[in-house]
Amino acid sequence: MGGGAAWLAGRAIAATWRPWWHIALYMLPLSLAVRFLHYALFESKFLSLHYYLVDYAVCLVFALFGFRLMRVHQMVTRYAWINEPAGFLRWRHRRRAVAERSESR
């Protein structure tokens, strides 16, 4: 549940065109909520810095991945005249892509 919530939070941050470093701030309370769920459901330690940092790292990875996928989608669909997909997590400018194609021929 925590990874899914982090994924959606990362997508929401990207959808509102906020910078990527906002994710680090938003994952602080989310990882605390995940730690509470682990405490309440699985009788884990609540006030453990080690487990909190692990939950934070997992939430951060999922949020950054969701952010990046959403940002690539935005750049390719909203700015299709200048950008094109260049893989799963990247985009490139069309002028550069056209120049690379003409050089390879």
PDB file of N, CA and C in Angstrom:
ATOM      1  N   MET A   1       0.820  -1.198   0.000  1.00  0.00           N
ATOM      2  CA  MET A   1       0.000   0.000   0.000  1.00  0.00           C
ATOM      3  C   MET A   1       0.859   1.255   0.000  1.00  0.00           C
ATOM      4  N   GLY A   2       1.955   1.205   0.739  1.00  0.00           N
ATOM      5  CA  GLY A   2       2.814   2.382   0.803  1.00  0.00           C
ATOM      6  C   GLY A   2       3.479   2.690  -0.525  1.00  0.00           C
ATOM      7  N   GLY A   3       3.904   1.647  -1.229  1.00  0.00           N
ATOM      8  CA  GLY A   3       4.515   1.858  -2.537  1.00  0.00           C
ATOM      9  C   GLY A   3       3.524   2.406  -3.541  1.00  0.00           C
ATOM     10  N   GLY A   4       2.305   1.909  -3.496  1.00  0.00           N
ATOM     11  CA  GLY A   4       1.271   2.424  -4.391  1.00  0.00           C
ATOM     12  C   GLY A   4       0.917   3.869  -4.100  1.00  0.00           C
ATOM     13  N   ALA A   5       0.843   4.209  -2.823  1.00  0.00           N
ATOM     14  CA  ALA A   5       0.565   5.601  -2.451  1.00  0.00           C
ATOM     15  C   ALA A   5       1.712   6.514  -2.872  1.00  0.00           C
ATOM     16  N   ALA A   6       2.932   6.034  -2.720  1.00  0.00           N
ATOM     17  CA  ALA A   6       4.092   6.827  -3.133  1.00  0.00           C
ATOM     18  C   ALA A   6       4.113   7.005  -4.647  1.00  0.00           C
ATOM     19  N   TRP A   7       3.774   5.935  -5.373  1.00  0.00           N
ATOM     20  CA  TRP A   7       3.703   6.006  -6.839  1.00  0.00           C
ATOM     21  C   TRP A   7       2.705   7.079  -7.277  1.00  0.00           C
ATOM     22  N   LEU A   8       1.525   7.058  -6.673  1.00  0.00           N
ATOM     23  CA  LEU A   8       0.501   8.039  -7.016  1.00  0.00           C
ATOM     24  C   LEU A   8       0.903   9.449  -6.605  1.00  0.00           C
ATOM     25  N   ALA A   9       1.589   9.581  -5.480  1.00  0.00           N
ATOM     26  CA  ALA A   9       2.057  10.900  -5.055  1.00  0.00           C
ATOM     27  C   ALA A   9       3.095  11.434  -6.032  1.00  0.00           C
ATOM     28  N   GLY A  10       4.001  10.584  -6.489  1.00  0.00           N
ATOM     29  CA  GLY A  10       4.997  11.007  -7.471  1.00  0.00           C
ATOM     30  C   GLY A  10       4.350  11.440  -8.773  1.00  0.00           C
ATOM     31  N   ARG A  11       3.341  10.698  -9.209  1.00  0.00           N
ATOM     32  CA  ARG A  11       2.618  11.076 -10.430  1.00  0.00           C
ATOM     33  C   ARG A  11       1.887  12.409 -10.247  1.00  0.00           C
ATOM     34  N   ALA A  12       1.305  12.617  -9.065  1.00  0.00           N
ATOM     35  CA  ALA A  12       0.580  13.864  -8.805  1.00  0.00           C
ATOM     36  C   ALA A  12       1.527  15.060  -8.766  1.00  0.00           C
ATOM     37  N   ILE A  13       2.693  14.870  -8.202  1.00  0.00           N
ATOM     38  CA  ILE A  13       3.673  15.956  -8.157  1.00  0.00           C
ATOM     39  C   ILE A  13       4.130  16.307  -9.563  1.00  0.00           C
ATOM     40  N   ALA A  14       4.347  15.304 -10.390  1.00  0.00           N
ATOM     41  CA  ALA A  14       4.739  15.568 -11.778  1.00  0.00           C
ATOM     42  C   ALA A  14       3.594  16.204 -12.564  1.00  0.00           C
ATOM     43  N   ALA A  15       2.374  15.765 -12.315  1.00  0.00           N
ATOM     44  CA  ALA A  15       1.221  16.280 -13.051  1.00  0.00           C
ATOM     45  C   ALA A  15       0.979  17.761 -12.780  1.00  0.00           C
ATOM     46  N   THR A  16       1.385  18.230 -11.620  1.00  0.00           N
ATOM     47  CA  THR A  16       1.218  19.651 -11.281  1.00  0.00           C
ATOM     48  C   THR A  16       2.486  20.450 -11.567  1.00  0.00           C
ATOM     49  N   TRP A  17       3.421  19.856 -12.284  1.00  0.00           N
ATOM     50  CA  TRP A  17       4.665  20.485 -12.752  1.00  0.00           C
ATOM     51  C   TRP A  17       5.541  21.008 -11.624  1.00  0.00           C
ATOM     52  N   ARG A  18       5.499  20.348 -10.488  1.00  0.00           N
ATOM     53  CA  ARG A  18       6.402  20.707  -9.396  1.00  0.00           C
ATOM     54  C   ARG A  18       7.757  20.049  -9.627  1.00  0.00           C
ATOM     55  N   PRO A  19       8.830  20.577  -9.035  1.00  0.00           N
ATOM     56  CA  PRO A  19      10.150  19.956  -9.216  1.00  0.00           C
ATOM     57  C   PRO A  19      10.257  18.627  -8.480  1.00  0.00           C
ATOM     58  N   TRP A  20      11.216  17.808  -8.897  1.00  0.00           N
ATOM     59  CA  TRP A  20      11.360  16.451  -8.356  1.00  0.00           C
ATOM     60  C   TRP A  20      11.696  16.451  -6.872  1.00  0.00           C
ATOM     61  N   TRP A  21      12.385  17.467  -6.371  1.00  0.00           N
ATOM     62  CA  TRP A  21      12.810  17.437  -4.971  1.00  0.00           C
ATOM     63  C   TRP A  21      11.641  17.591  -3.999  1.00  0.00           C
ATOM     64  N   HIS A  22      10.480  17.973  -4.475  1.00  0.00           N
ATOM     65  CA  HIS A  22       9.297  17.997  -3.599  1.00  0.00           C
ATOM     66  C   HIS A  22       8.939  16.595  -3.127  1.00  0.00           C
ATOM     67  N   ILE A  23       9.313  15.610  -3.918  1.00  0.00           N
ATOM     68  CA  ILE A  23       9.026  14.232  -3.548  1.00  0.00           C
ATOM     69  C   ILE A  23       9.690  13.883  -2.227  1.00  0.00           C
ATOM     70  N   ALA A  24      10.924  14.320  -2.046  1.00  0.00           N
ATOM     71  CA  ALA A  24      11.650  14.016  -0.808  1.00  0.00           C
ATOM     72  C   ALA A  24      10.911  14.561   0.410  1.00  0.00           C
ATOM     73  N   LEU A  25      10.295  15.710   0.268  1.00  0.00           N
ATOM     74  CA  LEU A  25       9.546  16.294   1.388  1.00  0.00           C
ATOM     75  C   LEU A  25       8.228  15.563   1.633  1.00  0.00           C
ATOM     76  N   TYR A  26       7.518  15.238   0.558  1.00  0.00           N
ATOM     77  CA  TYR A  26       6.220  14.578   0.700  1.00  0.00           C
ATOM     78  C   TYR A  26       6.342  13.141   1.192  1.00  0.00           C
ATOM     79  N   MET A  27       7.479  12.529   0.977  1.00  0.00           N
ATOM     80  CA  MET A  27       7.644  11.144   1.409  1.00  0.00           C
ATOM     81  C   MET A  27       7.936  11.033   2.911  1.00  0.00           C
ATOM     82  N   LEU A  28       8.312  12.122   3.564  1.00  0.00           N
ATOM     83  CA  LEU A  28       8.546  12.084   5.007  1.00  0.00           C
ATOM     84  C   LEU A  28       7.278  11.702   5.778  1.00  0.00           C
ATOM     85  N   PRO A  29       6.165  12.419   5.598  1.00  0.00           N
ATOM     86  CA  PRO A  29       4.956  12.003   6.335  1.00  0.00           C
ATOM     87  C   PRO A  29       4.351  10.698   5.799  1.00  0.00           C
ATOM     88  N   LEU A  30       4.503  10.450   4.505  1.00  0.00           N
ATOM     89  CA  LEU A  30       3.963   9.207   3.970  1.00  0.00           C
ATOM     90  C   LEU A  30       4.688   7.995   4.543  1.00  0.00           C
ATOM     91  N   SER A  31       6.002   8.079   4.675  1.00  0.00           N
ATOM     92  CA  SER A  31       6.732   6.949   5.254  1.00  0.00           C
ATOM     93  C   SER A  31       6.420   6.793   6.739  1.00  0.00           C
ATOM     94  N   LEU A  32       6.083   7.878   7.414  1.00  0.00           N
ATOM     95  CA  LEU A  32       5.636   7.767   8.805  1.00  0.00           C
ATOM     96  C   LEU A  32       4.287   7.038   8.878  1.00  0.00           C
ATOM     97  N   ALA A  33       3.404   7.324   7.933  1.00  0.00           N
ATOM     98  CA  ALA A  33       2.119   6.620   7.878  1.00  0.00           C
ATOM     99  C   ALA A  33       2.315   5.139   7.565  1.00  0.00           C
ATOM    100  N   VAL A  34       3.252   4.833   6.680  1.00  0.00           N
ATOM    101  CA  VAL A  34       3.551   3.437   6.367  1.00  0.00           C
ATOM    102  C   VAL A  34       4.127   2.739   7.595  1.00  0.00           C
ATOM    103  N   ARG A  35       4.985   3.443   8.332  1.00  0.00           N
ATOM    104  CA  ARG A  35       5.561   2.864   9.556  1.00  0.00           C
ATOM    105  C   ARG A  35       4.456   2.587  10.570  1.00  0.00           C
ATOM    106  N   PHE A  36       3.479   3.497  10.656  1.00  0.00           N
ATOM    107  CA  PHE A  36       2.366   3.268  11.576  1.00  0.00           C
ATOM    108  C   PHE A  36       1.547   2.050  11.155  1.00  0.00           C
ATOM    109  N   LEU A  37       1.321   1.886   9.860  1.00  0.00           N
ATOM    110  CA  LEU A  37       0.591   0.715   9.391  1.00  0.00           C
ATOM    111  C   LEU A  37       1.340  -0.573   9.717  1.00  0.00           C
ATOM    112  N   HIS A  38       2.649  -0.552   9.567  1.00  0.00           N
ATOM    113  CA  HIS A  38       3.435  -1.736   9.939  1.00  0.00           C
ATOM    114  C   HIS A  38       3.318  -2.019  11.437  1.00  0.00           C
ATOM    115  N   TYR A  39       3.298  -0.958  12.215  1.00  0.00           N
ATOM    116  CA  TYR A  39       3.149  -1.101  13.667  1.00  0.00           C
ATOM    117  C   TYR A  39       1.760  -1.646  14.032  1.00  0.00           C
ATOM    118  N   ALA A  40       0.730  -1.066  13.425  1.00  0.00           N
ATOM    119  CA  ALA A  40      -0.638  -1.430  13.789  1.00  0.00           C
ATOM    120  C   ALA A  40      -1.052  -2.800  13.259  1.00  0.00           C
ATOM    121  N   LEU A  41      -0.618  -3.129  12.070  1.00  0.00           N
ATOM    122  CA  LEU A  41      -1.072  -4.382  11.462  1.00  0.00           C
ATOM    123  C   LEU A  41      -0.163  -5.577  11.756  1.00  0.00           C
ATOM    124  N   PHE A  42       1.135  -5.332  11.841  1.00  0.00           N
ATOM    125  CA  PHE A  42       2.081  -6.442  11.956  1.00  0.00           C
ATOM    126  C   PHE A  42       2.875  -6.431  13.260  1.00  0.00           C
ATOM    127  N   GLU A  43       2.507  -5.554  14.200  1.00  0.00           N
ATOM    128  CA  GLU A  43       3.159  -5.436  15.501  1.00  0.00           C
ATOM    129  C   GLU A  43       4.663  -5.204  15.389  1.00  0.00           C
ATOM    130  N   SER A  44       5.033  -4.402  14.427  1.00  0.00           N
ATOM    131  CA  SER A  44       6.434  -4.029  14.248  1.00  0.00           C
ATOM    132  C   SER A  44       6.761  -2.860  15.176  1.00  0.00           C
ATOM    133  N   LYS A  45       8.028  -2.512  15.283  1.00  0.00           N
ATOM    134  CA  LYS A  45       8.424  -1.365  16.111  1.00  0.00           C
ATOM    135  C   LYS A  45       8.016  -0.079  15.408  1.00  0.00           C
ATOM    136  N   PHE A  46       7.402   0.816  16.173  1.00  0.00           N
ATOM    137  CA  PHE A  46       6.963   2.085  15.582  1.00  0.00           C
ATOM    138  C   PHE A  46       8.078   3.113  15.589  1.00  0.00           C
ATOM    139  N   LEU A  47       8.751   3.278  16.708  1.00  0.00           N
ATOM    140  CA  LEU A  47       9.792   4.295  16.832  1.00  0.00           C
ATOM    141  C   LEU A  47      11.171   3.690  16.592  1.00  0.00           C
ATOM    142  N   SER A  48      11.396   3.256  15.389  1.00  0.00           N
ATOM    143  CA  SER A  48      12.675   2.696  14.996  1.00  0.00           C
ATOM    144  C   SER A  48      13.207   3.495  13.811  1.00  0.00           C
ATOM    145  N   LEU A  49      14.318   4.162  13.993  1.00  0.00           N
ATOM    146  CA  LEU A  49      14.893   4.984  12.923  1.00  0.00           C
ATOM    147  C   LEU A  49      15.284   4.112  11.731  1.00  0.00           C
ATOM    148  N   HIS A  50      15.831   2.961  11.997  1.00  0.00           N
ATOM    149  CA  HIS A  50      16.253   2.068  10.919  1.00  0.00           C
ATOM    150  C   HIS A  50      15.082   1.684  10.020  1.00  0.00           C
ATOM    151  N   TYR A  51      13.990   1.231  10.600  1.00  0.00           N
ATOM    152  CA  TYR A  51      12.834   0.822   9.805  1.00  0.00           C
ATOM    153  C   TYR A  51      12.150   2.023   9.148  1.00  0.00           C
ATOM    154  N   TYR A  52      12.189   3.169   9.801  1.00  0.00           N
ATOM    155  CA  TYR A  52      11.634   4.371   9.188  1.00  0.00           C
ATOM    156  C   TYR A  52      12.431   4.733   7.936  1.00  0.00           C
ATOM    157  N   LEU A  53      13.748   4.654   8.009  1.00  0.00           N
ATOM    158  CA  LEU A  53      14.579   4.975   6.849  1.00  0.00           C
ATOM    159  C   LEU A  53      14.376   3.965   5.719  1.00  0.00           C
ATOM    160  N   VAL A  54      14.153   2.717   6.073  1.00  0.00           N
ATOM    161  CA  VAL A  54      13.865   1.707   5.045  1.00  0.00           C
ATOM    162  C   VAL A  54      12.531   2.030   4.366  1.00  0.00           C
ATOM    163  N   ASP A  55      11.520   2.335   5.150  1.00  0.00           N
ATOM    164  CA  ASP A  55      10.223   2.704   4.569  1.00  0.00           C
ATOM    165  C   ASP A  55      10.342   3.968   3.726  1.00  0.00           C
ATOM    166  N   TYR A  56      11.124   4.921   4.192  1.00  0.00           N
ATOM    167  CA  TYR A  56      11.336   6.160   3.437  1.00  0.00           C
ATOM    168  C   TYR A  56      12.017   5.869   2.110  1.00  0.00           C
ATOM    169  N   ALA A  57      13.026   5.015   2.119  1.00  0.00           N
ATOM    170  CA  ALA A  57      13.740   4.684   0.883  1.00  0.00           C
ATOM    171  C   ALA A  57      12.822   3.982  -0.114  1.00  0.00           C
ATOM    172  N   VAL A  58      12.007   3.064   0.358  1.00  0.00           N
ATOM    173  CA  VAL A  58      11.078   2.363  -0.535  1.00  0.00           C
ATOM    174  C   VAL A  58      10.061   3.338  -1.116  1.00  0.00           C
ATOM    175  N   CYS A  59       9.504   4.186  -0.277  1.00  0.00           N
ATOM    176  CA  CYS A  59       8.540   5.179  -0.761  1.00  0.00           C
ATOM    177  C   CYS A  59       9.196   6.148  -1.740  1.00  0.00           C
ATOM    178  N   LEU A  60      10.414   6.540  -1.460  1.00  0.00           N
ATOM    179  CA  LEU A  60      11.120   7.471  -2.332  1.00  0.00           C
ATOM    180  C   LEU A  60      11.372   6.863  -3.702  1.00  0.00           C
ATOM    181  N   VAL A  61      11.779   5.606  -3.752  1.00  0.00           N
ATOM    182  CA  VAL A  61      12.032   4.946  -5.036  1.00  0.00           C
ATOM    183  C   VAL A  61      10.751   4.840  -5.858  1.00  0.00           C
ATOM    184  N   PHE A  62       9.667   4.413  -5.242  1.00  0.00           N
ATOM    185  CA  PHE A  62       8.405   4.302  -5.959  1.00  0.00           C
ATOM    186  C   PHE A  62       7.919   5.672  -6.436  1.00  0.00           C
ATOM    187  N   ALA A  63       8.056   6.688  -5.605  1.00  0.00           N
ATOM    188  CA  ALA A  63       7.595   8.023  -5.986  1.00  0.00           C
ATOM    189  C   ALA A  63       8.437   8.601  -7.117  1.00  0.00           C
ATOM    190  N   LEU A  64       9.739   8.420  -7.066  1.00  0.00           N
ATOM    191  CA  LEU A  64      10.599   8.929  -8.137  1.00  0.00           C
ATOM    192  C   LEU A  64      10.322   8.214  -9.456  1.00  0.00           C
ATOM    193  N   PHE A  65      10.052   6.931  -9.388  1.00  0.00           N
ATOM    194  CA  PHE A  65       9.733   6.179 -10.595  1.00  0.00           C
ATOM    195  C   PHE A  65       8.404   6.645 -11.199  1.00  0.00           C
ATOM    196  N   GLY A  66       7.391   6.826 -10.359  1.00  0.00           N
ATOM    197  CA  GLY A  66       6.114   7.349 -10.843  1.00  0.00           C
ATOM    198  C   GLY A  66       6.244   8.755 -11.394  1.00  0.00           C
ATOM    199  N   PHE A  67       7.061   9.578 -10.737  1.00  0.00           N
ATOM    200  CA  PHE A  67       7.307  10.947 -11.198  1.00  0.00           C
ATOM    201  C   PHE A  67       7.935  10.936 -12.581  1.00  0.00           C
ATOM    202  N   ARG A  68       8.956  10.111 -12.752  1.00  0.00           N
ATOM    203  CA  ARG A  68       9.679  10.095 -14.024  1.00  0.00           C
ATOM    204  C   ARG A  68       8.791   9.599 -15.169  1.00  0.00           C
ATOM    205  N   LEU A  69       8.017   8.553 -14.913  1.00  0.00           N
ATOM    206  CA  LEU A  69       7.128   8.059 -15.968  1.00  0.00           C
ATOM    207  C   LEU A  69       6.088   9.108 -16.356  1.00  0.00           C
ATOM    208  N   MET A  70       5.552   9.807 -15.381  1.00  0.00           N
ATOM    209  CA  MET A  70       4.567  10.844 -15.678  1.00  0.00           C
ATOM    210  C   MET A  70       5.214  12.015 -16.420  1.00  0.00           C
ATOM    211  N   ARG A  71       6.420  12.397 -16.032  1.00  0.00           N
ATOM    212  CA  ARG A  71       7.088  13.508 -16.698  1.00  0.00           C
ATOM    213  C   ARG A  71       7.420  13.166 -18.149  1.00  0.00           C
ATOM    214  N   VAL A  72       7.849  11.936 -18.414  1.00  0.00           N
ATOM    215  CA  VAL A  72       8.103  11.509 -19.793  1.00  0.00           C
ATOM    216  C   VAL A  72       6.804  11.552 -20.580  1.00  0.00           C
ATOM    217  N   HIS A  73       5.734  11.063 -19.995  1.00  0.00           N
ATOM    218  CA  HIS A  73       4.429  11.094 -20.666  1.00  0.00           C
ATOM    219  C   HIS A  73       4.017  12.533 -20.971  1.00  0.00           C
ATOM    220  N   GLN A  74       4.207  13.436 -20.032  1.00  0.00           N
ATOM    221  CA  GLN A  74       3.857  14.835 -20.244  1.00  0.00           C
ATOM    222  C   GLN A  74       4.676  15.447 -21.376  1.00  0.00           C
ATOM    223  N   MET A  75       5.964  15.230 -21.350  1.00  0.00           N
ATOM    224  CA  MET A  75       6.843  15.859 -22.334  1.00  0.00           C
ATOM    225  C   MET A  75       6.585  15.325 -23.741  1.00  0.00           C
ATOM    226  N   VAL A  76       6.209  14.065 -23.843  1.00  0.00           N
ATOM    227  CA  VAL A  76       5.988  13.465 -25.160  1.00  0.00           C
ATOM    228  C   VAL A  76       4.598  13.790 -25.697  1.00  0.00           C
ATOM    229  N   THR A  77       3.591  13.859 -24.836  1.00  0.00           N
ATOM    230  CA  THR A  77       2.239  14.115 -25.325  1.00  0.00           C
ATOM    231  C   THR A  77       1.922  15.609 -25.434  1.00  0.00           C
ATOM    232  N   ARG A  78       2.331  16.388 -24.468  1.00  0.00           N
ATOM    233  CA  ARG A  78       1.986  17.815 -24.501  1.00  0.00           C
ATOM    234  C   ARG A  78       2.906  18.625 -25.393  1.00  0.00           C
ATOM    235  N   TYR A  79       4.124  18.150 -25.574  1.00  0.00           N
ATOM    236  CA  TYR A  79       5.095  18.838 -26.427  1.00  0.00           C
ATOM    237  C   TYR A  79       5.547  17.900 -27.527  1.00  0.00           C
ATOM    238  N   ALA A  80       4.577  17.309 -28.219  1.00  0.00           N
ATOM    239  CA  ALA A  80       4.876  16.305 -29.242  1.00  0.00           C
ATOM    240  C   ALA A  80       5.591  16.900 -30.448  1.00  0.00           C
ATOM    241  N   TRP A  81       5.431  18.199 -30.694  1.00  0.00           N
ATOM    242  CA  TRP A  81       6.074  18.817 -31.844  1.00  0.00           C
ATOM    243  C   TRP A  81       7.574  18.984 -31.646  1.00  0.00           C
ATOM    244  N   ILE A  82       8.044  18.911 -30.409  1.00  0.00           N
ATOM    245  CA  ILE A  82       9.460  19.109 -30.150  1.00  0.00           C
ATOM    246  C   ILE A  82      10.131  17.907 -29.503  1.00  0.00           C
ATOM    247  N   ASN A  83       9.350  17.033 -28.869  1.00  0.00           N
ATOM    248  CA  ASN A  83       9.909  15.871 -28.172  1.00  0.00           C
ATOM    249  C   ASN A  83       9.341  14.580 -28.726  1.00  0.00           C
ATOM    250  N   GLU A  84      10.132  13.520 -28.578  1.00  0.00           N
ATOM    251  CA  GLU A  84       9.688  12.186 -28.930  1.00  0.00           C
ATOM    252  C   GLU A  84      10.238  11.206 -27.916  1.00  0.00           C
ATOM    253  N   PRO A  85       9.592  10.064 -27.749  1.00  0.00           N
ATOM    254  CA  PRO A  85      10.093   9.089 -26.773  1.00  0.00           C
ATOM    255  C   PRO A  85      11.450   8.547 -27.195  1.00  0.00           C
ATOM    256  N   ALA A  86      12.295   8.318 -26.213  1.00  0.00           N
ATOM    257  CA  ALA A  86      13.626   7.758 -26.463  1.00  0.00           C
ATOM    258  C   ALA A  86      13.877   6.634 -25.478  1.00  0.00           C
ATOM    259  N   GLY A  87      12.901   5.793 -25.313  1.00  0.00           N
ATOM    260  CA  GLY A  87      13.021   4.710 -24.353  1.00  0.00           C
ATOM    261  C   GLY A  87      11.931   4.814 -23.304  1.00  0.00           C
ATOM    262  N   PHE A  88      12.041   3.947 -22.323  1.00  0.00           N
ATOM    263  CA  PHE A  88      11.007   3.849 -21.300  1.00  0.00           C
ATOM    264  C   PHE A  88      10.997   5.045 -20.359  1.00  0.00           C
ATOM    265  N   LEU A  89      12.157   5.551 -19.991  1.00  0.00           N
ATOM    266  CA  LEU A  89      12.252   6.634 -19.010  1.00  0.00           C
ATOM    267  C   LEU A  89      12.885   7.908 -19.571  1.00  0.00           C
ATOM    268  N   ARG A  90      12.885   8.052 -20.897  1.00  0.00           N
ATOM    269  CA  ARG A  90      13.546   9.219 -21.480  1.00  0.00           C
ATOM    270  C   ARG A  90      12.747   9.784 -22.646  1.00  0.00           C
ATOM    271  N   TRP A  91      13.081  11.024 -22.990  1.00  0.00           N
ATOM    272  CA  TRP A  91      12.596  11.640 -24.205  1.00  0.00           C
ATOM    273  C   TRP A  91      13.765  12.406 -24.806  1.00  0.00           C
ATOM    274  N   ARG A  92      13.619  12.779 -26.075  1.00  0.00           N
ATOM    275  CA  ARG A  92      14.661  13.573 -26.727  1.00  0.00           C
ATOM    276  C   ARG A  92      14.011  14.584 -27.641  1.00  0.00           C
ATOM    277  N   HIS A  93      14.779  15.617 -27.982  1.00  0.00           N
ATOM    278  CA  HIS A  93      14.288  16.649 -28.885  1.00  0.00           C
ATOM    279  C   HIS A  93      14.245  16.105 -30.304  1.00  0.00           C
ATOM    280  N   ARG A  94      13.247  16.471 -31.052  1.00  0.00           N
ATOM    281  CA  ARG A  94      13.086  15.960 -32.412  1.00  0.00           C
ATOM    282  C   ARG A  94      14.207  16.418 -33.325  1.00  0.00           C
ATOM    283  N   ARG A  95      14.720  17.611 -33.187  1.00  0.00           N
ATOM    284  CA  ARG A  95      15.787  18.114 -34.044  1.00  0.00           C
ATOM    285  C   ARG A  95      17.019  17.222 -33.916  1.00  0.00           C
ATOM    286  N   ARG A  96      17.342  16.839 -32.689  1.00  0.00           N
ATOM    287  CA  ARG A  96      18.482  15.965 -32.451  1.00  0.00           C
ATOM    288  C   ARG A  96      18.212  14.586 -33.037  1.00  0.00           C
ATOM    289  N   ALA A  97      16.990  14.119 -32.917  1.00  0.00           N
ATOM    290  CA  ALA A  97      16.636  12.799 -33.451  1.00  0.00           C
ATOM    291  C   ALA A  97      16.714  12.795 -34.972  1.00  0.00           C
ATOM    292  N   VAL A  98      16.274  13.876 -35.616  1.00  0.00           N
ATOM    293  CA  VAL A  98      16.344  13.964 -37.069  1.00  0.00           C
ATOM    294  C   VAL A  98      17.792  14.007 -37.518  1.00  0.00           C
ATOM    295  N   ALA A  99      18.640  14.749 -36.805  1.00  0.00           N
ATOM    296  CA  ALA A  99      20.060  14.822 -37.156  1.00  0.00           C
ATOM    297  C   ALA A  99      20.740  13.467 -36.986  1.00  0.00           C
ATOM    298  N   GLU A 100      20.393  12.729 -35.948  1.00  0.00           N
ATOM    299  CA  GLU A 100      20.986  11.405 -35.741  1.00  0.00           C
ATOM    300  C   GLU A 100      20.559  10.437 -36.835  1.00  0.00           C
ATOM    301  N   ARG A 101      19.313  10.536 -37.270  1.00  0.00           N
ATOM    302  CA  ARG A 101      18.837   9.648 -38.336  1.00  0.00           C
ATOM    303  C   ARG A 101      19.540   9.938 -39.651  1.00  0.00           C
ATOM    304  N   SER A 102      19.736  11.226 -39.969  1.00  0.00           N
ATOM    305  CA  SER A 102      20.389  11.568 -41.237  1.00  0.00           C
ATOM    306  C   SER A 102      21.869  11.194 -41.226  1.00  0.00           C
ATOM    307  N   GLU A 103      22.507  11.228 -40.068  1.00  0.00           N
ATOM    308  CA  GLU A 103      23.920  10.824 -39.987  1.00  0.00           C
ATOM    309  C   GLU A 103      24.082   9.326 -40.159  1.00  0.00           C
ATOM    310  N   SER A 104      23.112   8.548 -39.702  1.00  0.00           N
ATOM    311  CA  SER A 104      23.229   7.101 -39.779  1.00  0.00           C
ATOM    312  C   SER A 104      22.978   6.564 -41.187  1.00  0.00           C
ATOM    313  N   ARG A 105      22.416   7.354 -42.063  1.00  0.00           N
ATOM    314  CA  ARG A 105      22.128   6.898 -43.439  1.00  0.00           C
ATOM    315  C   ARG A 105      23.266   7.093 -44.341  1.00  0.00           C
TER     316      ARG A 105
END
